[in-house]
N, C-alpha and C. Protein backbone atom coordinates (compact mmCIF):
# COMPACT_ATOMS: atom_id res chain seq x y z
N MET A 1 40.04 -49.21 51.50
CA MET A 1 38.86 -48.94 52.10
C MET A 1 38.17 -47.84 50.96
N ILE A 2 38.90 -47.21 50.59
CA ILE A 2 38.13 -45.79 49.74
C ILE A 2 37.84 -46.38 48.21
N TYR A 3 38.45 -47.72 47.83
CA TYR A 3 37.62 -48.24 46.86
C TYR A 3 36.18 -49.12 46.77
N ILE A 4 35.93 -49.21 47.92
CA ILE A 4 34.52 -49.75 48.33
C ILE A 4 33.77 -48.57 48.71
N GLU A 5 34.27 -47.52 49.20
CA GLU A 5 33.32 -46.45 49.44
C GLU A 5 32.85 -45.80 47.97
N LEU A 6 33.97 -45.46 47.16
CA LEU A 6 33.62 -45.11 45.60
C LEU A 6 32.60 -45.88 44.79
N PHE A 7 32.90 -47.37 44.86
CA PHE A 7 31.91 -48.19 44.37
C PHE A 7 30.70 -48.07 45.12
N TRP A 8 30.41 -48.27 46.14
CA TRP A 8 29.02 -48.20 46.90
C TRP A 8 28.35 -46.95 46.96
N VAL A 9 28.92 -45.66 46.65
CA VAL A 9 28.71 -44.36 46.21
C VAL A 9 28.36 -44.33 44.70
N PHE A 10 28.74 -44.50 43.70
CA PHE A 10 28.41 -44.74 42.68
C PHE A 10 27.31 -45.83 42.03
N PHE A 11 27.27 -47.02 42.78
CA PHE A 11 26.45 -48.37 42.83
C PHE A 11 25.28 -47.60 42.89
N GLN A 12 25.38 -46.75 44.35
CA GLN A 12 24.16 -46.24 44.78
C GLN A 12 23.36 -45.18 43.41
N ILE A 13 24.13 -44.29 43.54
CA ILE A 13 24.02 -43.32 42.11
C ILE A 13 23.31 -44.01 41.07
N GLY A 14 24.24 -44.77 40.61
CA GLY A 14 23.50 -45.66 39.32
C GLY A 14 22.31 -46.54 39.47
N MET A 15 22.06 -46.64 41.17
CA MET A 15 20.73 -47.77 41.19
C MET A 15 19.81 -46.84 41.06
N PHE A 16 19.81 -45.48 41.64
CA PHE A 16 18.61 -44.62 41.81
C PHE A 16 18.58 -43.43 40.94
N SER A 17 19.18 -42.96 40.07
CA SER A 17 19.30 -42.07 39.36
C SER A 17 18.53 -42.10 37.88
N PHE A 18 17.27 -42.37 37.97
CA PHE A 18 16.53 -42.39 37.00
C PHE A 18 16.47 -41.17 36.05
N GLY A 19 16.38 -41.01 34.67
CA GLY A 19 15.64 -39.95 34.26
C GLY A 19 17.23 -39.38 33.37
N GLY A 20 18.46 -40.16 33.34
CA GLY A 20 19.51 -39.59 32.76
C GLY A 20 20.41 -38.99 33.41
N GLY A 21 21.48 -38.48 33.29
CA GLY A 21 22.37 -37.95 34.00
C GLY A 21 22.30 -36.50 35.04
N TYR A 22 21.26 -35.80 33.98
CA TYR A 22 21.02 -34.63 34.89
C TYR A 22 20.25 -34.87 36.08
N ALA A 23 19.47 -35.99 36.06
CA ALA A 23 18.88 -36.41 37.27
C ALA A 23 19.83 -36.95 38.12
N ALA A 24 21.10 -37.23 38.23
CA ALA A 24 21.75 -38.14 38.98
C ALA A 24 22.76 -36.77 39.50
N LEU A 25 22.36 -35.70 39.04
CA LEU A 25 23.33 -34.31 39.72
C LEU A 25 22.98 -34.46 41.13
N PRO A 26 22.05 -34.47 41.34
CA PRO A 26 21.49 -33.97 42.86
C PRO A 26 22.15 -34.88 44.00
N LEU A 27 21.76 -36.49 43.21
CA LEU A 27 22.51 -37.67 43.85
C LEU A 27 23.85 -37.46 44.20
N ILE A 28 24.67 -36.96 42.94
CA ILE A 28 26.15 -37.19 43.49
C ILE A 28 26.48 -36.13 44.25
N GLN A 29 25.96 -34.96 44.01
CA GLN A 29 25.89 -33.82 45.02
C GLN A 29 25.95 -34.20 46.53
N ALA A 30 24.97 -35.05 46.47
CA ALA A 30 24.45 -35.07 48.17
C ALA A 30 25.87 -36.22 48.75
N GLN A 31 25.98 -37.28 47.69
CA GLN A 31 26.87 -38.00 48.16
C GLN A 31 28.63 -37.38 48.25
N VAL A 32 29.18 -36.94 46.92
CA VAL A 32 30.17 -36.60 47.00
C VAL A 32 30.72 -35.30 47.92
N VAL A 33 29.77 -34.20 47.81
CA VAL A 33 29.78 -33.20 48.43
C VAL A 33 29.65 -33.02 50.11
N ASP A 34 28.17 -33.23 50.05
CA ASP A 34 27.55 -33.34 51.74
C ASP A 34 27.74 -34.54 52.03
N THR A 35 27.84 -35.48 52.09
CA THR A 35 28.32 -36.64 53.00
C THR A 35 29.52 -37.12 53.08
N TYR A 36 30.41 -37.11 51.86
CA TYR A 36 31.83 -37.80 52.24
C TYR A 36 32.77 -36.78 51.97
N GLY A 37 32.44 -35.46 51.63
CA GLY A 37 33.18 -34.01 51.67
C GLY A 37 34.44 -34.43 50.65
N TRP A 38 34.31 -35.35 49.46
CA TRP A 38 35.35 -35.05 48.63
C TRP A 38 35.48 -34.00 47.90
N LEU A 39 34.60 -33.25 47.58
CA LEU A 39 34.42 -32.33 46.86
C LEU A 39 33.98 -31.19 47.94
N ASN A 40 34.44 -29.86 47.70
CA ASN A 40 33.40 -28.63 47.75
C ASN A 40 32.61 -28.28 46.45
N MET A 41 31.98 -27.50 46.88
CA MET A 41 30.54 -27.32 45.70
C MET A 41 31.04 -26.79 44.35
N ARG A 42 32.36 -25.70 44.68
CA ARG A 42 32.95 -25.15 43.69
C ARG A 42 33.32 -26.20 42.64
N GLU A 43 34.18 -27.24 43.42
CA GLU A 43 35.05 -28.27 42.81
C GLU A 43 33.79 -29.25 41.99
N PHE A 44 32.83 -29.33 42.69
CA PHE A 44 31.55 -30.24 42.13
C PHE A 44 31.20 -29.89 40.74
N ALA A 45 30.80 -28.39 40.87
CA ALA A 45 30.56 -27.63 39.45
C ALA A 45 31.76 -27.54 38.36
N ASP A 46 32.96 -27.85 38.97
CA ASP A 46 34.03 -27.73 37.88
C ASP A 46 33.79 -29.42 37.30
N ILE A 47 33.82 -30.27 38.00
CA ILE A 47 33.59 -31.52 37.56
C ILE A 47 32.63 -31.96 36.71
N ILE A 48 31.42 -31.24 37.20
CA ILE A 48 29.91 -31.65 36.45
C ILE A 48 30.22 -30.75 34.87
N THR A 49 31.26 -29.54 35.15
CA THR A 49 31.57 -28.84 33.81
C THR A 49 31.87 -29.74 32.81
N ILE A 50 33.03 -30.52 33.05
CA ILE A 50 34.02 -31.07 32.80
C ILE A 50 33.23 -32.49 32.16
N SER A 51 32.50 -33.14 32.98
CA SER A 51 31.49 -34.00 32.52
C SER A 51 30.82 -34.02 31.25
N GLN A 52 30.27 -32.49 31.19
CA GLN A 52 29.44 -32.12 30.22
C GLN A 52 29.98 -31.94 28.70
N MET A 53 31.25 -31.63 29.11
CA MET A 53 31.66 -31.17 27.83
C MET A 53 32.80 -32.45 27.00
N THR A 54 32.62 -33.63 27.68
CA THR A 54 33.27 -34.51 27.26
C THR A 54 32.36 -35.53 26.91
N PRO A 55 32.76 -36.54 25.95
CA PRO A 55 31.47 -37.51 25.15
C PRO A 55 31.27 -38.57 26.25
N GLY A 56 30.07 -38.52 26.31
CA GLY A 56 29.33 -39.87 27.15
C GLY A 56 28.57 -39.02 28.46
N PRO A 57 27.80 -40.05 29.10
CA PRO A 57 26.84 -40.01 29.90
C PRO A 57 27.60 -39.03 31.17
N ILE A 58 26.76 -38.19 31.60
CA ILE A 58 27.28 -37.02 32.71
C ILE A 58 27.84 -37.97 33.91
N ALA A 59 26.56 -38.76 34.43
CA ALA A 59 26.97 -39.50 35.77
C ALA A 59 28.34 -40.16 35.65
N ILE A 60 28.64 -41.34 34.49
CA ILE A 60 29.71 -42.12 34.32
C ILE A 60 31.19 -41.15 34.24
N ASN A 61 30.80 -40.03 33.49
CA ASN A 61 32.06 -39.27 33.46
C ASN A 61 32.29 -38.71 34.73
N SER A 62 31.32 -38.34 35.67
CA SER A 62 31.48 -37.88 36.78
C SER A 62 32.06 -38.59 37.66
N ALA A 63 31.81 -40.24 37.63
CA ALA A 63 32.16 -40.99 38.36
C ALA A 63 33.88 -41.39 37.95
N THR A 64 33.97 -41.42 36.63
CA THR A 64 35.56 -41.65 36.02
C THR A 64 36.49 -40.33 36.72
N PHE A 65 35.80 -39.29 36.44
CA PHE A 65 36.80 -37.99 36.99
C PHE A 65 36.84 -38.02 38.73
N LEU A 66 35.62 -38.45 39.12
CA LEU A 66 35.80 -38.22 40.55
C LEU A 66 36.61 -39.21 41.36
N GLY A 67 36.46 -40.50 40.70
CA GLY A 67 37.24 -41.59 41.08
C GLY A 67 39.04 -41.38 40.66
N THR A 68 39.08 -40.73 39.75
CA THR A 68 40.66 -40.40 39.19
C THR A 68 41.19 -39.54 40.45
N ARG A 69 40.41 -38.58 40.56
CA ARG A 69 41.00 -37.41 41.82
C ARG A 69 41.05 -38.08 43.05
N ILE A 70 39.98 -38.94 43.46
CA ILE A 70 40.13 -39.59 44.85
C ILE A 70 41.31 -40.48 44.83
N ALA A 71 41.14 -41.62 44.07
CA ALA A 71 42.29 -42.67 43.96
C ALA A 71 42.84 -43.19 42.71
N GLY A 72 43.10 -42.51 41.89
CA GLY A 72 43.95 -42.41 40.65
C GLY A 72 43.20 -43.46 39.68
N PHE A 73 43.94 -44.01 39.00
CA PHE A 73 43.39 -45.00 37.79
C PHE A 73 42.24 -46.14 38.21
N TRP A 74 42.88 -46.58 39.21
CA TRP A 74 41.68 -48.10 40.07
C TRP A 74 40.43 -47.11 40.56
N GLY A 75 40.65 -46.11 41.42
CA GLY A 75 39.41 -45.30 41.76
C GLY A 75 38.43 -45.06 40.68
N ALA A 76 38.93 -44.79 39.54
CA ALA A 76 38.17 -44.22 38.16
C ALA A 76 37.44 -45.53 38.12
N THR A 77 38.37 -46.63 37.99
CA THR A 77 37.69 -48.12 37.09
C THR A 77 36.32 -48.61 38.34
N VAL A 78 36.84 -48.33 39.62
CA VAL A 78 35.77 -48.91 40.45
C VAL A 78 34.90 -47.91 40.69
N ALA A 79 34.72 -47.02 40.64
CA ALA A 79 33.84 -45.86 40.42
C ALA A 79 33.16 -45.96 39.15
N THR A 80 33.53 -45.95 38.07
CA THR A 80 32.60 -46.00 37.02
C THR A 80 32.11 -47.44 36.77
N PHE A 81 32.77 -48.56 37.49
CA PHE A 81 31.70 -49.83 37.15
C PHE A 81 30.62 -49.77 38.27
N GLY A 82 31.02 -49.30 39.49
CA GLY A 82 29.79 -49.21 40.38
C GLY A 82 28.98 -48.36 39.92
N CYS A 83 28.92 -47.35 38.85
CA CYS A 83 28.02 -46.38 38.20
C CYS A 83 27.19 -47.16 37.41
N VAL A 84 27.75 -48.27 36.47
CA VAL A 84 27.37 -48.82 35.33
C VAL A 84 26.82 -49.91 35.68
N LEU A 85 27.12 -50.61 36.98
CA LEU A 85 26.57 -51.75 37.08
C LEU A 85 25.16 -52.13 37.29
N PRO A 86 24.63 -51.35 38.19
CA PRO A 86 23.15 -51.14 38.41
C PRO A 86 22.16 -50.95 37.12
N SER A 87 22.46 -50.00 36.29
CA SER A 87 21.81 -49.65 35.15
C SER A 87 22.00 -50.89 34.24
N SER A 88 22.88 -51.52 34.39
CA SER A 88 23.08 -52.71 33.22
C SER A 88 22.20 -53.95 33.85
N ILE A 89 22.23 -54.19 35.01
CA ILE A 89 21.10 -55.43 35.64
C ILE A 89 20.02 -54.74 35.37
N ILE A 90 19.58 -53.41 35.51
CA ILE A 90 18.09 -53.11 35.64
C ILE A 90 17.61 -53.03 34.30
N VAL A 91 18.53 -52.56 33.10
CA VAL A 91 18.18 -52.45 32.05
C VAL A 91 17.89 -54.19 31.28
N LEU A 92 18.66 -54.79 31.66
CA LEU A 92 18.74 -56.38 31.15
C LEU A 92 17.06 -56.60 31.92
N LEU A 93 16.66 -56.56 33.19
CA LEU A 93 15.75 -57.12 33.82
C LEU A 93 14.22 -56.38 33.21
N LEU A 94 14.52 -55.00 33.00
CA LEU A 94 13.50 -54.22 32.62
C LEU A 94 12.88 -54.35 31.14
N SER A 95 13.87 -55.02 30.47
CA SER A 95 13.64 -55.39 28.65
C SER A 95 13.13 -56.61 28.91
N ILE A 96 13.35 -57.29 29.66
CA ILE A 96 12.76 -58.61 29.84
C ILE A 96 10.98 -58.40 29.78
N LEU A 97 10.88 -57.81 31.23
CA LEU A 97 9.77 -57.48 31.68
C LEU A 97 9.09 -56.50 30.52
N TYR A 98 9.73 -55.46 30.33
CA TYR A 98 8.79 -54.61 29.30
C TYR A 98 8.33 -55.37 28.09
N LYS A 99 8.98 -56.02 27.35
CA LYS A 99 8.76 -57.34 26.09
C LYS A 99 7.65 -58.11 26.49
N LYS A 100 7.45 -58.37 27.77
CA LYS A 100 6.18 -59.63 28.14
C LYS A 100 5.04 -58.47 28.46
N TYR A 101 5.37 -57.32 28.98
CA TYR A 101 4.15 -56.63 29.75
C TYR A 101 4.23 -55.23 28.79
N ARG A 102 4.50 -54.98 28.06
CA ARG A 102 4.85 -53.54 27.34
C ARG A 102 2.86 -53.08 27.00
N ASN A 103 2.10 -53.75 27.03
CA ASN A 103 0.87 -53.13 26.49
C ASN A 103 -0.26 -52.96 27.84
N LEU A 104 0.25 -53.19 28.57
CA LEU A 104 -0.85 -53.16 29.99
C LEU A 104 -0.93 -51.49 30.59
N LYS A 105 -2.12 -51.01 30.63
CA LYS A 105 -2.14 -49.79 31.18
C LYS A 105 -1.32 -49.16 32.41
N HIS A 106 -1.27 -50.23 33.37
CA HIS A 106 -0.66 -50.10 34.68
C HIS A 106 0.89 -49.60 34.20
N VAL A 107 1.37 -50.30 33.22
CA VAL A 107 2.89 -50.51 32.94
C VAL A 107 3.11 -48.43 32.25
N GLN A 108 2.24 -48.39 31.31
CA GLN A 108 2.24 -46.90 30.89
C GLN A 108 1.65 -45.81 31.87
N GLY A 109 0.99 -45.99 32.68
CA GLY A 109 0.75 -45.13 34.18
C GLY A 109 1.95 -44.69 35.33
N VAL A 110 2.78 -45.67 35.22
CA VAL A 110 3.94 -46.17 35.88
C VAL A 110 5.03 -45.07 35.27
N LEU A 111 5.13 -45.27 34.13
CA LEU A 111 6.00 -44.22 33.12
C LEU A 111 5.60 -43.04 33.15
N SER A 112 4.39 -43.03 33.03
CA SER A 112 4.16 -41.36 32.79
C SER A 112 4.44 -40.47 34.32
N GLY A 113 3.86 -41.46 35.06
CA GLY A 113 4.05 -40.73 36.74
C GLY A 113 5.74 -40.64 36.70
N LEU A 114 6.57 -40.87 36.37
CA LEU A 114 7.88 -40.68 36.39
C LEU A 114 8.33 -39.61 36.01
N HIS A 115 7.76 -39.02 34.78
CA HIS A 115 8.11 -37.65 34.18
C HIS A 115 8.25 -36.54 35.15
N PRO A 116 7.12 -36.28 36.14
CA PRO A 116 7.52 -35.16 37.13
C PRO A 116 8.52 -35.16 37.83
N ALA A 117 8.69 -36.38 38.50
CA ALA A 117 9.96 -36.60 39.15
C ALA A 117 11.44 -36.33 38.66
N ILE A 118 11.43 -36.63 37.31
CA ILE A 118 12.73 -36.17 36.68
C ILE A 118 12.85 -34.89 36.48
N ILE A 119 11.74 -34.24 36.19
CA ILE A 119 11.82 -33.04 36.08
C ILE A 119 11.92 -32.06 37.28
N GLY A 120 11.57 -32.50 38.35
CA GLY A 120 12.07 -31.92 39.52
C GLY A 120 13.39 -31.75 39.81
N LEU A 121 13.79 -33.22 39.68
CA LEU A 121 15.27 -33.52 39.93
C LEU A 121 16.39 -32.72 39.18
N ILE A 122 16.14 -32.62 37.42
CA ILE A 122 16.81 -31.87 36.56
C ILE A 122 16.64 -30.15 37.26
N ALA A 123 15.78 -29.73 37.63
CA ALA A 123 15.35 -28.28 38.43
C ALA A 123 16.00 -28.13 39.53
N SER A 124 16.03 -29.26 40.19
CA SER A 124 16.98 -29.11 41.44
C SER A 124 18.75 -28.96 41.06
N ALA A 125 18.92 -29.98 40.39
CA ALA A 125 20.25 -29.68 40.15
C ALA A 125 20.63 -28.30 39.06
N GLY A 126 19.72 -27.70 38.37
CA GLY A 126 19.76 -26.70 37.77
C GLY A 126 20.29 -25.27 38.63
N ALA A 127 18.78 -25.17 39.49
CA ALA A 127 19.11 -24.36 40.68
C ALA A 127 20.30 -24.36 41.45
N ALA A 128 21.13 -25.45 41.74
CA ALA A 128 22.50 -25.76 42.72
C ALA A 128 23.55 -25.11 41.73
N MET A 129 23.36 -25.39 40.53
CA MET A 129 24.36 -24.78 39.62
C MET A 129 24.53 -23.33 39.60
N ILE A 130 23.08 -22.47 39.49
CA ILE A 130 22.84 -21.35 39.36
C ILE A 130 23.21 -20.74 40.67
N ILE A 131 22.91 -21.12 41.47
CA ILE A 131 23.12 -20.64 42.96
C ILE A 131 24.70 -20.62 42.96
N GLN A 132 25.53 -21.72 42.70
CA GLN A 132 26.85 -21.79 42.51
C GLN A 132 27.49 -20.48 41.64
N ALA A 133 27.00 -20.34 40.32
CA ALA A 133 27.48 -19.30 39.30
C ALA A 133 27.28 -17.93 39.71
N LEU A 134 26.28 -17.87 40.40
CA LEU A 134 26.02 -16.42 40.66
C LEU A 134 25.99 -15.94 41.86
N TRP A 135 26.09 -16.74 42.93
CA TRP A 135 26.44 -16.11 44.62
C TRP A 135 27.86 -17.27 44.84
N ASN A 136 28.62 -17.60 43.92
CA ASN A 136 29.71 -18.68 44.25
C ASN A 136 29.64 -19.63 45.41
N GLY A 137 28.10 -20.26 45.62
CA GLY A 137 27.99 -21.20 46.53
C GLY A 137 27.62 -20.72 47.64
N GLY A 138 27.55 -19.52 47.81
CA GLY A 138 27.20 -18.61 49.45
C GLY A 138 25.95 -18.78 49.80
N PRO A 139 25.59 -17.97 50.58
CA PRO A 139 23.96 -17.54 51.06
C PRO A 139 23.46 -16.79 49.94
N ILE A 140 22.11 -17.10 49.61
CA ILE A 140 21.44 -16.40 48.64
C ILE A 140 20.80 -15.17 49.02
N LEU A 141 21.74 -13.93 48.96
CA LEU A 141 21.45 -12.43 49.35
C LEU A 141 21.17 -11.94 47.98
N PHE A 142 20.15 -11.36 48.39
CA PHE A 142 19.37 -10.33 47.26
C PHE A 142 20.07 -9.18 47.29
N GLN A 143 21.12 -8.76 47.52
CA GLN A 143 21.82 -7.56 47.44
C GLN A 143 22.98 -7.52 46.49
N ILE A 144 22.82 -6.23 45.99
CA ILE A 144 23.86 -6.30 44.50
C ILE A 144 25.07 -6.51 44.62
N GLY A 145 25.77 -6.35 45.97
CA GLY A 145 27.00 -6.83 46.07
C GLY A 145 27.37 -8.51 46.05
N SER A 146 26.23 -8.98 46.69
CA SER A 146 26.57 -10.38 46.33
C SER A 146 26.32 -11.52 45.23
N ILE A 147 25.93 -10.19 44.15
CA ILE A 147 25.56 -11.11 42.70
C ILE A 147 26.90 -11.07 41.82
N ASP A 148 27.15 -12.01 41.24
CA ASP A 148 28.45 -11.82 40.12
C ASP A 148 27.84 -11.62 39.26
N PHE A 149 27.98 -10.08 38.70
CA PHE A 149 27.35 -9.99 37.29
C PHE A 149 28.12 -10.57 36.01
N ILE A 150 29.30 -10.61 36.45
CA ILE A 150 29.59 -11.20 34.98
C ILE A 150 29.56 -12.67 34.72
N ALA A 151 29.02 -13.20 35.80
CA ALA A 151 28.14 -14.71 35.64
C ALA A 151 26.82 -14.46 34.59
N VAL A 152 26.31 -13.54 35.62
CA VAL A 152 25.00 -13.06 35.21
C VAL A 152 24.97 -12.67 33.59
N ALA A 153 25.95 -11.74 33.20
CA ALA A 153 25.97 -11.49 32.00
C ALA A 153 26.82 -12.30 30.73
N LEU A 154 27.20 -13.41 31.19
CA LEU A 154 27.71 -14.57 30.54
C LEU A 154 26.46 -15.42 30.29
N ILE A 155 25.60 -15.56 31.22
CA ILE A 155 24.51 -16.59 31.19
C ILE A 155 23.64 -15.82 30.25
N ALA A 156 23.29 -14.52 30.17
CA ALA A 156 22.49 -13.81 29.22
C ALA A 156 22.78 -13.72 27.85
N LEU A 157 24.15 -13.87 27.75
CA LEU A 157 24.83 -13.69 26.57
C LEU A 157 24.94 -15.06 25.90
N CYS A 158 24.73 -15.97 26.84
CA CYS A 158 24.92 -17.53 26.08
C CYS A 158 23.18 -18.12 25.65
N VAL A 159 22.43 -17.42 26.38
CA VAL A 159 20.78 -17.95 26.18
C VAL A 159 20.58 -16.84 25.35
N LEU A 160 20.90 -15.78 25.27
CA LEU A 160 20.81 -14.76 23.80
C LEU A 160 21.25 -15.44 22.63
N ALA A 161 22.32 -16.22 22.41
CA ALA A 161 22.81 -16.60 21.60
C ALA A 161 22.24 -17.87 20.80
N LEU A 162 21.91 -18.52 21.96
CA LEU A 162 21.15 -20.11 21.60
C LEU A 162 19.89 -19.75 21.02
N ARG A 163 18.92 -18.59 21.79
CA ARG A 163 17.80 -18.25 20.86
C ARG A 163 17.93 -17.75 19.63
N LYS A 164 18.84 -16.52 19.45
CA LYS A 164 18.64 -15.79 18.38
C LYS A 164 19.53 -16.16 17.22
N THR A 165 20.41 -17.34 17.79
CA THR A 165 21.31 -17.53 16.30
C THR A 165 21.22 -18.85 16.35
N LYS A 166 21.93 -19.34 14.95
CA LYS A 166 22.07 -20.76 14.71
C LYS A 166 23.68 -21.24 15.12
N ILE A 167 24.23 -20.80 15.94
CA ILE A 167 25.59 -20.67 16.38
C ILE A 167 25.43 -22.30 17.25
N ASP A 168 26.49 -23.51 16.70
CA ASP A 168 26.65 -24.54 17.36
C ASP A 168 26.59 -24.49 19.02
N PRO A 169 25.93 -24.96 20.15
CA PRO A 169 26.11 -24.64 21.44
C PRO A 169 27.53 -25.14 22.06
N ILE A 170 28.37 -26.01 21.11
CA ILE A 170 29.73 -26.26 21.64
C ILE A 170 30.21 -24.84 21.50
N PHE A 171 30.35 -24.24 20.23
CA PHE A 171 30.92 -23.02 20.22
C PHE A 171 30.44 -21.83 21.23
N ILE A 172 29.35 -21.70 21.48
CA ILE A 172 29.06 -21.11 22.78
C ILE A 172 29.45 -21.47 24.08
N MET A 173 29.61 -22.64 24.13
CA MET A 173 30.17 -22.83 25.67
C MET A 173 31.49 -22.62 25.42
N LEU A 174 32.60 -22.66 24.48
CA LEU A 174 33.79 -22.52 24.12
C LEU A 174 34.22 -21.17 24.32
N GLY A 175 33.31 -20.47 23.70
CA GLY A 175 33.32 -18.92 23.69
C GLY A 175 32.99 -18.31 25.17
N ALA A 176 32.26 -19.01 25.91
CA ALA A 176 31.65 -18.64 27.23
C ALA A 176 32.99 -18.96 28.13
N GLY A 177 33.43 -19.69 27.87
CA GLY A 177 34.69 -20.29 28.97
C GLY A 177 35.79 -19.53 28.69
N ALA A 178 35.92 -19.10 26.96
CA ALA A 178 37.33 -18.48 26.68
C ALA A 178 37.02 -16.86 27.50
N ILE A 179 35.59 -16.50 27.24
CA ILE A 179 35.40 -15.07 27.84
C ILE A 179 35.44 -15.18 29.33
N GLY A 180 34.90 -16.12 29.98
CA GLY A 180 34.96 -16.15 31.51
C GLY A 180 36.68 -16.47 32.16
N GLY A 181 37.38 -16.93 31.26
CA GLY A 181 38.78 -17.29 31.57
C GLY A 181 39.50 -16.00 31.70
N ILE A 182 39.45 -15.24 30.61
CA ILE A 182 40.07 -13.99 30.28
C ILE A 182 39.24 -12.91 31.46
N VAL A 183 38.17 -12.76 31.75
CA VAL A 183 37.94 -11.75 32.47
C VAL A 183 38.18 -12.40 34.11
N TYR A 184 37.84 -13.47 34.18
CA TYR A 184 38.22 -13.76 35.57
C TYR A 184 39.54 -13.67 35.97
N HIS A 185 40.58 -13.77 34.86
CA HIS A 185 41.82 -13.97 35.04
C HIS A 185 42.35 -12.39 35.53
N PHE A 186 41.67 -11.51 34.89
CA PHE A 186 42.32 -10.11 35.31
C PHE A 186 41.46 -9.52 36.38
N MET A 187 40.99 -10.32 36.96
CA MET A 187 40.16 -9.53 37.95
C MET A 187 40.65 -9.80 39.49
């Protein structure tokens, strides 16, 4: 039964996550954390972090990692296949239609209309991850004691390093992970 659930969850995510991996994050969170309770918000953030650090699309990496965690190798296989199948079918059909109708004004209008929705989905995922990082997933209280100042400092250092230096973002992530690991280990 778990294989069917994994397939169905990631089939839906693959079917409705337009705009790339970041747009899929709120859908993955809604299914994996809120609906099925397979992960809590901290574990979800960890899975997303690992998914971003490994090569490949975030949604597919998330499906693979989550499938492995829930049901081992076959869970990973089923979840990944569920995530990839709708996209494969949709891309095949859309490529046929786009080749035929690409010059129509209405087609261009639909594509332009999708941009704001995708930006909203990415902003939602970013806000959820910021809340997890700064308030440990708890209620957002604008009190000094409820804010994780180490996370704020790490975010500020990373943004500053990305904007002011030419350091590769991978090295910035590795450095932030190392600093965070050391600091949080001794707390």
